[in-house]
Amino acid sequence: MVRPEYVKRKLHLIAEDLGRLAHFRDASLEEITGDFVKLAAVERMIERIVI
């Protein structure tokens, strides 16, 4: 059984990461993939959301 606290915490973390991803909303794919730091940040946030 999944604990409700765990679910609430995970949803909170997802919301935070989605907010952070919004920072890259106006960036083009080329801009993100051309900058290793931006690419790594976006990839990591997506990983945290999915896992």
C-alpha atoms as a PDB file:
ATOM      1  CA  MET A   1       0.000   0.000   0.000  1.00  0.00           C
ATOM      2  CA  VAL A   2       1.284   3.442  -0.906  1.00  0.00           C
ATOM      3  CA  ARG A   3       1.377   5.925   1.932  1.00  0.00           C
ATOM      4  CA  PRO A   4      -0.620   9.120   1.350  1.00  0.00           C
ATOM      5  CA  GLU A   5       2.310  11.218   2.601  1.00  0.00           C
ATOM      6  CA  TYR A   6       4.524   9.745  -0.106  1.00  0.00           C
ATOM      7  CA  VAL A   7       1.988  10.559  -2.820  1.00  0.00           C
ATOM      8  CA  LYS A   8       1.555  14.139  -1.553  1.00  0.00           C
ATOM      9  CA  ARG A   9       5.324  14.658  -1.410  1.00  0.00           C
ATOM     10  CA  LYS A  10       5.816  13.260  -4.919  1.00  0.00           C
ATOM     11  CA  LEU A  11       3.050  15.474  -6.312  1.00  0.00           C
ATOM     12  CA  HIS A  12       4.672  18.481  -4.648  1.00  0.00           C
ATOM     13  CA  LEU A  13       8.054  17.636  -6.196  1.00  0.00           C
ATOM     14  CA  ILE A  14       6.453  17.158  -9.618  1.00  0.00           C
ATOM     15  CA  ALA A  15       4.778  20.563  -9.363  1.00  0.00           C
ATOM     16  CA  GLU A  16       8.098  22.173  -8.396  1.00  0.00           C
ATOM     17  CA  ASP A  17       9.944  20.593 -11.316  1.00  0.00           C
ATOM     18  CA  LEU A  18       7.192  21.553 -13.763  1.00  0.00           C
ATOM     19  CA  GLY A  19       7.552  25.109 -12.540  1.00  0.00           C
ATOM     20  CA  ARG A  20      11.282  24.962 -13.099  1.00  0.00           C
ATOM     21  CA  LEU A  21      10.799  23.504 -16.578  1.00  0.00           C
ATOM     22  CA  ALA A  22       8.608  26.491 -17.423  1.00  0.00           C
ATOM     23  CA  HIS A  23      11.824  28.520 -17.327  1.00  0.00           C
ATOM     24  CA  PHE A  24      12.779  26.805 -20.600  1.00  0.00           C
ATOM     25  CA  ARG A  25       9.373  27.265 -22.246  1.00  0.00           C
ATOM     26  CA  ASP A  26      10.555  29.834 -24.767  1.00  0.00           C
ATOM     27  CA  ALA A  27      13.869  28.151 -25.531  1.00  0.00           C
ATOM     28  CA  SER A  28      14.177  26.390 -28.856  1.00  0.00           C
ATOM     29  CA  LEU A  29      15.224  22.771 -29.091  1.00  0.00           C
ATOM     30  CA  GLU A  30      18.483  23.882 -30.695  1.00  0.00           C
ATOM     31  CA  GLU A  31      19.158  26.292 -27.837  1.00  0.00           C
ATOM     32  CA  ILE A  32      18.639  23.585 -25.221  1.00  0.00           C
ATOM     33  CA  THR A  33      20.513  20.816 -27.022  1.00  0.00           C
ATOM     34  CA  GLY A  34      23.337  23.207 -27.877  1.00  0.00           C
ATOM     35  CA  ASP A  35      23.959  24.028 -24.222  1.00  0.00           C
ATOM     36  CA  PHE A  36      25.123  21.053 -22.165  1.00  0.00           C
ATOM     37  CA  VAL A  37      24.078  22.611 -18.861  1.00  0.00           C
ATOM     38  CA  LYS A  38      20.570  23.455 -20.065  1.00  0.00           C
ATOM     39  CA  LEU A  39      20.176  20.020 -21.599  1.00  0.00           C
ATOM     40  CA  ALA A  40      21.342  18.267 -18.443  1.00  0.00           C
ATOM     41  CA  ALA A  41      19.005  20.367 -16.295  1.00  0.00           C
ATOM     42  CA  VAL A  42      15.971  19.683 -18.479  1.00  0.00           C
ATOM     43  CA  GLU A  43      16.762  15.967 -18.715  1.00  0.00           C
ATOM     44  CA  ARG A  44      17.170  15.653 -14.957  1.00  0.00           C
ATOM     45  CA  MET A  45      13.922  17.452 -14.189  1.00  0.00           C
ATOM     46  CA  ILE A  46      12.051  15.213 -16.612  1.00  0.00           C
ATOM     47  CA  GLU A  47      13.656  12.133 -15.025  1.00  0.00           C
ATOM     48  CA  ARG A  48      12.563  13.276 -11.569  1.00  0.00           C
ATOM     49  CA  ILE A  49       9.010  13.835 -12.778  1.00  0.00           C
ATOM     50  CA  VAL A  50       8.754  10.430 -14.431  1.00  0.00           C
ATOM     51  CA  ILE A  51      10.428   8.299 -11.780  1.00  0.00           C
END
